[in-house]
Amino acid sequence: MAAFWVSWQFWALLAAGFAALTAIFGKVGVAGIDSDFATFLRTIVVAVLLGLLVWATGKAQSLSALSSKTLVFLTLSGIATGASWLCYFRALQIGKAAQVAPVDKLSVVFVAVFATLFLGESLSPLAWGGIGFIALGAVMVSLG
């Protein structure tokens, strides 16, 4: 049982659960407010909570100890995250959460393609079949 707590599957399932709550809470939260401002408020909450977590667990590191490659790619990741959140909240404000969230999860398909092209990762034919089903499912839910 202890191995479950340190498995990537456990944390990925938790991430999926919290992402689902993000869609539900976000859909209710963007009602009557500009979606960009809602994203800003959400980002403040995330920054404060993560800052407290890093401080409380003693995991803070000196920025000067990080390589320039690390800083550049974490900055790019932050920019992509911010853009994703802005687009996600705008989509939630306009559309149904049950349709927006699956389309947003096309990111799974994009990650598989990008990881193959840019990181040299490979997936089995079975895994590519699963990626295809994810894409098909997202399209089907968005049309329904």
N, C-alpha and C. Protein backbone atom coordinates (compact mmCIF):
# COMPACT_ATOMS: atom_id res chain seq x y z
N MET A 1 0.82 -1.20 0.00
CA MET A 1 0.00 0.00 0.00
C MET A 1 0.86 1.26 0.00
N ALA A 2 1.98 1.23 0.71
CA ALA A 2 2.85 2.40 0.77
C ALA A 2 3.37 2.78 -0.61
N ALA A 3 3.60 1.78 -1.46
CA ALA A 3 4.11 2.06 -2.81
C ALA A 3 3.10 2.85 -3.62
N PHE A 4 1.81 2.68 -3.32
CA PHE A 4 0.77 3.41 -4.04
C PHE A 4 0.93 4.91 -3.87
N TRP A 5 1.28 5.35 -2.65
CA TRP A 5 1.43 6.77 -2.36
C TRP A 5 2.58 7.42 -3.12
N VAL A 6 3.56 6.62 -3.53
CA VAL A 6 4.71 7.19 -4.25
C VAL A 6 4.65 6.86 -5.74
N SER A 7 3.52 6.33 -6.20
CA SER A 7 3.40 6.00 -7.62
C SER A 7 2.90 7.21 -8.42
N TRP A 8 3.33 7.28 -9.65
CA TRP A 8 2.87 8.37 -10.51
C TRP A 8 1.38 8.26 -10.77
N GLN A 9 0.85 7.03 -10.77
CA GLN A 9 -0.57 6.83 -11.03
C GLN A 9 -1.44 7.49 -9.95
N PHE A 10 -1.03 7.34 -8.70
CA PHE A 10 -1.77 7.95 -7.59
C PHE A 10 -1.86 9.46 -7.77
N TRP A 11 -0.72 10.08 -8.03
CA TRP A 11 -0.68 11.53 -8.16
C TRP A 11 -1.39 12.00 -9.43
N ALA A 12 -1.32 11.22 -10.50
CA ALA A 12 -2.03 11.57 -11.74
C ALA A 12 -3.54 11.51 -11.53
N LEU A 13 -4.02 10.51 -10.78
CA LEU A 13 -5.45 10.42 -10.48
C LEU A 13 -5.90 11.58 -9.60
N LEU A 14 -5.08 11.95 -8.63
CA LEU A 14 -5.41 13.13 -7.82
C LEU A 14 -5.46 14.38 -8.69
N ALA A 15 -4.50 14.52 -9.60
CA ALA A 15 -4.49 15.68 -10.50
C ALA A 15 -5.77 15.72 -11.33
N ALA A 16 -6.19 14.56 -11.83
CA ALA A 16 -7.43 14.50 -12.62
C ALA A 16 -8.64 14.88 -11.77
N GLY A 17 -8.68 14.42 -10.55
CA GLY A 17 -9.78 14.78 -9.67
C GLY A 17 -9.82 16.26 -9.39
N PHE A 18 -8.67 16.84 -9.09
CA PHE A 18 -8.62 18.28 -8.84
C PHE A 18 -8.92 19.07 -10.11
N ALA A 19 -8.49 18.57 -11.27
CA ALA A 19 -8.82 19.25 -12.53
C ALA A 19 -10.32 19.24 -12.76
N ALA A 20 -10.98 18.14 -12.40
CA ALA A 20 -12.44 18.09 -12.53
C ALA A 20 -13.09 19.12 -11.61
N LEU A 21 -12.60 19.23 -10.40
CA LEU A 21 -13.14 20.24 -9.48
C LEU A 21 -12.86 21.64 -10.00
N THR A 22 -11.71 21.83 -10.64
CA THR A 22 -11.39 23.12 -11.24
C THR A 22 -12.46 23.54 -12.23
N ALA A 23 -12.89 22.60 -13.07
CA ALA A 23 -13.92 22.91 -14.06
C ALA A 23 -15.23 23.28 -13.38
N ILE A 24 -15.65 22.51 -12.39
CA ILE A 24 -16.92 22.77 -11.73
C ILE A 24 -16.87 24.08 -10.95
N PHE A 25 -15.85 24.25 -10.12
CA PHE A 25 -15.72 25.49 -9.34
C PHE A 25 -15.54 26.69 -10.25
N GLY A 26 -14.73 26.52 -11.31
CA GLY A 26 -14.47 27.61 -12.24
C GLY A 26 -15.72 28.04 -12.98
N LYS A 27 -16.54 27.09 -13.41
CA LYS A 27 -17.77 27.41 -14.13
C LYS A 27 -18.68 28.28 -13.26
N VAL A 28 -18.81 27.92 -11.99
CA VAL A 28 -19.63 28.71 -11.07
C VAL A 28 -18.95 30.05 -10.79
N GLY A 29 -17.64 30.02 -10.64
CA GLY A 29 -16.90 31.23 -10.27
C GLY A 29 -16.84 32.30 -11.34
N VAL A 30 -16.90 31.93 -12.62
CA VAL A 30 -16.80 32.95 -13.67
C VAL A 30 -18.14 33.60 -14.01
N ALA A 31 -19.20 33.12 -13.39
CA ALA A 31 -20.52 33.73 -13.64
C ALA A 31 -20.53 35.16 -13.09
N GLY A 32 -20.80 36.11 -13.95
CA GLY A 32 -20.92 37.50 -13.52
C GLY A 32 -19.61 38.23 -13.31
N ILE A 33 -18.50 37.68 -13.82
CA ILE A 33 -17.19 38.33 -13.66
C ILE A 33 -16.42 38.14 -14.96
N ASP A 34 -15.58 39.06 -15.29
CA ASP A 34 -14.73 38.92 -16.47
C ASP A 34 -13.83 37.70 -16.31
N SER A 35 -13.74 36.86 -17.32
CA SER A 35 -12.97 35.62 -17.20
C SER A 35 -11.48 35.87 -16.99
N ASP A 36 -10.94 36.95 -17.57
CA ASP A 36 -9.53 37.26 -17.36
C ASP A 36 -9.27 37.66 -15.91
N PHE A 37 -10.19 38.45 -15.33
CA PHE A 37 -10.04 38.84 -13.93
C PHE A 37 -10.20 37.62 -13.02
N ALA A 38 -11.12 36.72 -13.39
CA ALA A 38 -11.29 35.48 -12.62
C ALA A 38 -10.00 34.66 -12.64
N THR A 39 -9.36 34.59 -13.79
CA THR A 39 -8.09 33.87 -13.90
C THR A 39 -7.02 34.52 -13.03
N PHE A 40 -7.00 35.85 -13.00
CA PHE A 40 -6.05 36.58 -12.16
C PHE A 40 -6.26 36.23 -10.69
N LEU A 41 -7.51 36.24 -10.23
CA LEU A 41 -7.79 35.91 -8.83
C LEU A 41 -7.38 34.47 -8.52
N ARG A 42 -7.70 33.57 -9.43
CA ARG A 42 -7.32 32.16 -9.26
C ARG A 42 -5.80 32.03 -9.15
N THR A 43 -5.09 32.77 -9.97
CA THR A 43 -3.63 32.70 -9.98
C THR A 43 -3.05 33.20 -8.66
N ILE A 44 -3.64 34.24 -8.10
CA ILE A 44 -3.19 34.73 -6.79
C ILE A 44 -3.34 33.63 -5.74
N VAL A 45 -4.49 32.96 -5.75
CA VAL A 45 -4.73 31.89 -4.78
C VAL A 45 -3.69 30.78 -4.95
N VAL A 46 -3.44 30.38 -6.20
CA VAL A 46 -2.46 29.34 -6.47
C VAL A 46 -1.07 29.76 -5.98
N ALA A 47 -0.67 30.99 -6.30
CA ALA A 47 0.66 31.47 -5.91
C ALA A 47 0.81 31.51 -4.39
N VAL A 48 -0.20 32.00 -3.70
CA VAL A 48 -0.12 32.09 -2.24
C VAL A 48 -0.04 30.69 -1.62
N LEU A 49 -0.93 29.80 -2.07
CA LEU A 49 -0.93 28.45 -1.50
C LEU A 49 0.37 27.70 -1.78
N LEU A 50 0.87 27.81 -3.00
CA LEU A 50 2.14 27.13 -3.31
C LEU A 50 3.30 27.75 -2.56
N GLY A 51 3.28 29.07 -2.43
CA GLY A 51 4.33 29.73 -1.65
C GLY A 51 4.34 29.25 -0.21
N LEU A 52 3.17 29.14 0.39
CA LEU A 52 3.07 28.63 1.76
C LEU A 52 3.55 27.19 1.86
N LEU A 53 3.17 26.37 0.88
CA LEU A 53 3.59 24.96 0.88
C LEU A 53 5.11 24.84 0.79
N VAL A 54 5.70 25.57 -0.14
CA VAL A 54 7.17 25.52 -0.30
C VAL A 54 7.87 26.01 0.96
N TRP A 55 7.37 27.08 1.53
CA TRP A 55 7.97 27.62 2.75
C TRP A 55 7.81 26.64 3.91
N ALA A 56 6.61 26.11 4.09
CA ALA A 56 6.33 25.22 5.23
C ALA A 56 7.11 23.91 5.15
N THR A 57 7.38 23.44 3.94
CA THR A 57 8.10 22.17 3.79
C THR A 57 9.61 22.36 3.62
N GLY A 58 10.06 23.61 3.64
CA GLY A 58 11.48 23.88 3.52
C GLY A 58 12.06 23.55 2.15
N LYS A 59 11.26 23.63 1.12
CA LYS A 59 11.70 23.25 -0.22
C LYS A 59 12.13 24.44 -1.09
N ALA A 60 12.16 25.63 -0.50
CA ALA A 60 12.57 26.81 -1.27
C ALA A 60 14.04 26.67 -1.69
N GLN A 61 14.33 27.13 -2.88
CA GLN A 61 15.70 27.09 -3.40
C GLN A 61 16.09 28.47 -3.88
N SER A 62 17.37 28.72 -3.88
CA SER A 62 17.88 29.99 -4.38
C SER A 62 17.77 30.00 -5.90
N LEU A 63 17.22 31.08 -6.44
CA LEU A 63 17.11 31.19 -7.89
C LEU A 63 18.49 31.21 -8.55
N SER A 64 19.48 31.74 -7.86
CA SER A 64 20.82 31.80 -8.43
C SER A 64 21.44 30.41 -8.59
N ALA A 65 20.90 29.42 -7.88
CA ALA A 65 21.41 28.05 -7.98
C ALA A 65 20.83 27.31 -9.19
N LEU A 66 19.84 27.91 -9.84
CA LEU A 66 19.20 27.25 -10.98
C LEU A 66 19.92 27.60 -12.28
N SER A 67 19.95 26.65 -13.18
CA SER A 67 20.59 26.89 -14.48
C SER A 67 19.71 27.81 -15.32
N SER A 68 20.34 28.47 -16.28
CA SER A 68 19.57 29.35 -17.16
C SER A 68 18.56 28.55 -17.97
N LYS A 69 18.91 27.31 -18.36
CA LYS A 69 17.98 26.45 -19.09
C LYS A 69 16.74 26.19 -18.24
N THR A 70 16.93 25.88 -16.96
CA THR A 70 15.81 25.64 -16.06
C THR A 70 14.93 26.87 -15.96
N LEU A 71 15.54 28.03 -15.77
CA LEU A 71 14.77 29.27 -15.64
C LEU A 71 14.00 29.59 -16.92
N VAL A 72 14.64 29.42 -18.07
CA VAL A 72 13.96 29.71 -19.35
C VAL A 72 12.77 28.79 -19.54
N PHE A 73 12.96 27.49 -19.33
CA PHE A 73 11.87 26.56 -19.59
C PHE A 73 10.76 26.64 -18.55
N LEU A 74 11.10 26.95 -17.30
CA LEU A 74 10.05 27.17 -16.31
C LEU A 74 9.27 28.45 -16.60
N THR A 75 9.97 29.47 -17.11
CA THR A 75 9.29 30.70 -17.52
C THR A 75 8.35 30.43 -18.69
N LEU A 76 8.84 29.69 -19.69
CA LEU A 76 7.98 29.33 -20.82
C LEU A 76 6.78 28.50 -20.37
N SER A 77 7.02 27.58 -19.44
CA SER A 77 5.93 26.77 -18.90
C SER A 77 4.91 27.64 -18.18
N GLY A 78 5.39 28.62 -17.43
CA GLY A 78 4.49 29.54 -16.74
C GLY A 78 3.66 30.36 -17.71
N ILE A 79 4.28 30.81 -18.78
CA ILE A 79 3.56 31.56 -19.81
C ILE A 79 2.49 30.68 -20.45
N ALA A 80 2.86 29.45 -20.77
CA ALA A 80 1.90 28.52 -21.37
C ALA A 80 0.75 28.21 -20.39
N THR A 81 1.08 28.05 -19.11
CA THR A 81 0.05 27.80 -18.11
C THR A 81 -0.92 28.98 -18.02
N GLY A 82 -0.37 30.17 -17.96
CA GLY A 82 -1.22 31.36 -17.90
C GLY A 82 -2.13 31.48 -19.11
N ALA A 83 -1.57 31.25 -20.29
CA ALA A 83 -2.38 31.31 -21.51
C ALA A 83 -3.46 30.24 -21.50
N SER A 84 -3.10 29.04 -21.04
CA SER A 84 -4.06 27.96 -20.95
C SER A 84 -5.20 28.32 -20.00
N TRP A 85 -4.87 28.86 -18.84
CA TRP A 85 -5.89 29.22 -17.86
C TRP A 85 -6.80 30.32 -18.39
N LEU A 86 -6.23 31.33 -19.06
CA LEU A 86 -7.05 32.39 -19.63
C LEU A 86 -8.05 31.83 -20.65
N CYS A 87 -7.55 30.98 -21.52
CA CYS A 87 -8.42 30.38 -22.54
C CYS A 87 -9.45 29.46 -21.91
N TYR A 88 -9.06 28.69 -20.91
CA TYR A 88 -9.95 27.75 -20.24
C TYR A 88 -11.11 28.48 -19.56
N PHE A 89 -10.80 29.53 -18.81
CA PHE A 89 -11.85 30.26 -18.12
C PHE A 89 -12.76 30.97 -19.11
N ARG A 90 -12.21 31.48 -20.21
CA ARG A 90 -13.06 32.09 -21.23
C ARG A 90 -14.00 31.04 -21.82
N ALA A 91 -13.48 29.86 -22.12
CA ALA A 91 -14.30 28.78 -22.67
C ALA A 91 -15.37 28.35 -21.67
N LEU A 92 -15.01 28.27 -20.37
CA LEU A 92 -16.00 27.91 -19.34
C LEU A 92 -17.11 28.94 -19.24
N GLN A 93 -16.75 30.20 -19.41
CA GLN A 93 -17.74 31.26 -19.31
C GLN A 93 -18.75 31.17 -20.46
N ILE A 94 -18.28 30.75 -21.62
CA ILE A 94 -19.12 30.70 -22.81
C ILE A 94 -19.84 29.35 -22.94
N GLY A 95 -19.15 28.27 -22.64
CA GLY A 95 -19.67 26.93 -22.91
C GLY A 95 -20.04 26.16 -21.67
N LYS A 96 -20.44 24.92 -21.89
CA LYS A 96 -20.79 24.01 -20.81
C LYS A 96 -19.52 23.35 -20.26
N ALA A 97 -19.42 23.25 -18.94
CA ALA A 97 -18.25 22.64 -18.32
C ALA A 97 -18.05 21.21 -18.81
N ALA A 98 -19.16 20.49 -19.00
CA ALA A 98 -19.07 19.08 -19.44
C ALA A 98 -18.56 18.95 -20.86
N GLN A 99 -18.56 20.03 -21.62
CA GLN A 99 -18.00 20.01 -22.97
C GLN A 99 -16.62 20.65 -23.01
N VAL A 100 -16.45 21.73 -22.26
CA VAL A 100 -15.16 22.44 -22.26
C VAL A 100 -14.04 21.55 -21.71
N ALA A 101 -14.29 20.89 -20.59
CA ALA A 101 -13.24 20.10 -19.94
C ALA A 101 -12.70 18.98 -20.83
N PRO A 102 -13.55 18.20 -21.50
CA PRO A 102 -12.99 17.15 -22.37
C PRO A 102 -12.18 17.71 -23.54
N VAL A 103 -12.63 18.83 -24.11
CA VAL A 103 -11.86 19.43 -25.20
C VAL A 103 -10.52 19.92 -24.67
N ASP A 104 -10.52 20.51 -23.47
CA ASP A 104 -9.28 20.93 -22.83
C ASP A 104 -8.33 19.75 -22.66
N LYS A 105 -8.90 18.57 -22.41
CA LYS A 105 -8.08 17.38 -22.21
C LYS A 105 -7.49 16.84 -23.51
N LEU A 106 -7.80 17.49 -24.63
CA LEU A 106 -7.06 17.17 -25.85
C LEU A 106 -5.58 17.47 -25.65
N SER A 107 -5.27 18.20 -24.57
CA SER A 107 -3.86 18.42 -24.22
C SER A 107 -3.13 17.09 -24.06
N VAL A 108 -3.84 16.05 -23.65
CA VAL A 108 -3.24 14.71 -23.53
C VAL A 108 -2.74 14.25 -24.89
N VAL A 109 -3.55 14.47 -25.90
CA VAL A 109 -3.17 14.10 -27.27
C VAL A 109 -1.97 14.94 -27.71
N PHE A 110 -2.05 16.23 -27.47
CA PHE A 110 -0.96 17.12 -27.87
C PHE A 110 0.34 16.76 -27.16
N VAL A 111 0.26 16.42 -25.88
CA VAL A 111 1.46 16.03 -25.13
C VAL A 111 2.09 14.79 -25.76
N ALA A 112 1.27 13.81 -26.11
CA ALA A 112 1.82 12.59 -26.73
C ALA A 112 2.55 12.92 -28.02
N VAL A 113 1.94 13.76 -28.84
CA VAL A 113 2.56 14.13 -30.12
C VAL A 113 3.83 14.95 -29.88
N PHE A 114 3.75 15.96 -29.02
CA PHE A 114 4.91 16.82 -28.75
C PHE A 114 6.04 16.03 -28.09
N ALA A 115 5.70 15.14 -27.16
CA ALA A 115 6.74 14.35 -26.48
C ALA A 115 7.45 13.44 -27.47
N THR A 116 6.71 12.94 -28.44
CA THR A 116 7.32 12.10 -29.47
C THR A 116 8.23 12.93 -30.37
N LEU A 117 7.72 14.09 -30.81
CA LEU A 117 8.47 14.92 -31.74
C LEU A 117 9.66 15.62 -31.11
N PHE A 118 9.49 16.15 -29.90
CA PHE A 118 10.51 17.02 -29.31
C PHE A 118 11.33 16.39 -28.20
N LEU A 119 10.80 15.38 -27.53
CA LEU A 119 11.53 14.75 -26.43
C LEU A 119 12.05 13.37 -26.77
N GLY A 120 11.71 12.89 -27.95
CA GLY A 120 12.19 11.58 -28.37
C GLY A 120 11.52 10.42 -27.63
N GLU A 121 10.39 10.67 -27.00
CA GLU A 121 9.68 9.60 -26.31
C GLU A 121 8.94 8.75 -27.34
N SER A 122 8.66 7.52 -26.97
CA SER A 122 7.91 6.67 -27.89
C SER A 122 6.78 5.99 -27.12
N LEU A 123 5.70 5.75 -27.84
CA LEU A 123 4.55 5.08 -27.28
C LEU A 123 4.28 3.82 -28.08
N SER A 124 3.72 2.84 -27.44
CA SER A 124 3.38 1.59 -28.11
C SER A 124 2.15 1.81 -29.00
N PRO A 125 1.91 0.92 -29.94
CA PRO A 125 0.69 1.02 -30.74
C PRO A 125 -0.57 1.03 -29.87
N LEU A 126 -0.55 0.26 -28.80
CA LEU A 126 -1.70 0.25 -27.88
C LEU A 126 -1.91 1.63 -27.28
N ALA A 127 -0.82 2.28 -26.86
CA ALA A 127 -0.91 3.61 -26.28
C ALA A 127 -1.42 4.62 -27.31
N TRP A 128 -0.93 4.53 -28.55
CA TRP A 128 -1.41 5.43 -29.60
C TRP A 128 -2.90 5.20 -29.87
N GLY A 129 -3.35 3.95 -29.76
CA GLY A 129 -4.78 3.67 -29.88
C GLY A 129 -5.56 4.39 -28.80
N GLY A 130 -5.04 4.36 -27.58
CA GLY A 130 -5.68 5.07 -26.47
C GLY A 130 -5.71 6.57 -26.71
N ILE A 131 -4.63 7.11 -27.24
CA ILE A 131 -4.57 8.54 -27.57
C ILE A 131 -5.65 8.86 -28.61
N GLY A 132 -5.80 7.97 -29.58
CA GLY A 132 -6.83 8.15 -30.59
C GLY A 132 -8.23 8.16 -29.98
N PHE A 133 -8.46 7.26 -29.03
CA PHE A 133 -9.76 7.23 -28.36
C PHE A 133 -10.01 8.50 -27.54
N ILE A 134 -8.96 9.01 -26.91
CA ILE A 134 -9.11 10.26 -26.16
C ILE A 134 -9.53 11.38 -27.12
N ALA A 135 -8.86 11.46 -28.26
CA ALA A 135 -9.20 12.50 -29.25
C ALA A 135 -10.63 12.32 -29.73
N LEU A 136 -10.99 11.10 -30.08
CA LEU A 136 -12.34 10.82 -30.56
C LEU A 136 -13.37 11.14 -29.49
N GLY A 137 -13.10 10.76 -28.26
CA GLY A 137 -14.02 11.04 -27.16
C GLY A 137 -14.22 12.52 -26.94
N ALA A 138 -13.14 13.29 -26.99
CA ALA A 138 -13.25 14.74 -26.80
C ALA A 138 -14.11 15.37 -27.90
N VAL A 139 -13.88 14.91 -29.12
CA VAL A 139 -14.67 15.43 -30.24
C VAL A 139 -16.15 15.06 -30.08
N MET A 140 -16.40 13.82 -29.71
CA MET A 140 -17.79 13.36 -29.55
C MET A 140 -18.52 14.14 -28.44
N VAL A 141 -17.84 14.36 -27.31
CA VAL A 141 -18.46 15.10 -26.21
C VAL A 141 -18.71 16.54 -26.62
N SER A 142 -17.78 17.13 -27.36
CA SER A 142 -17.94 18.54 -27.75
C SER A 142 -19.11 18.72 -28.72
N LEU A 143 -19.44 17.69 -29.48
CA LEU A 143 -20.53 17.79 -30.45
C LEU A 143 -21.89 17.48 -29.85
N GLY A 144 -21.86 16.80 -28.68
CA GLY A 144 -23.12 16.33 -28.08
C GLY A 144 -23.89 17.30 -27.26
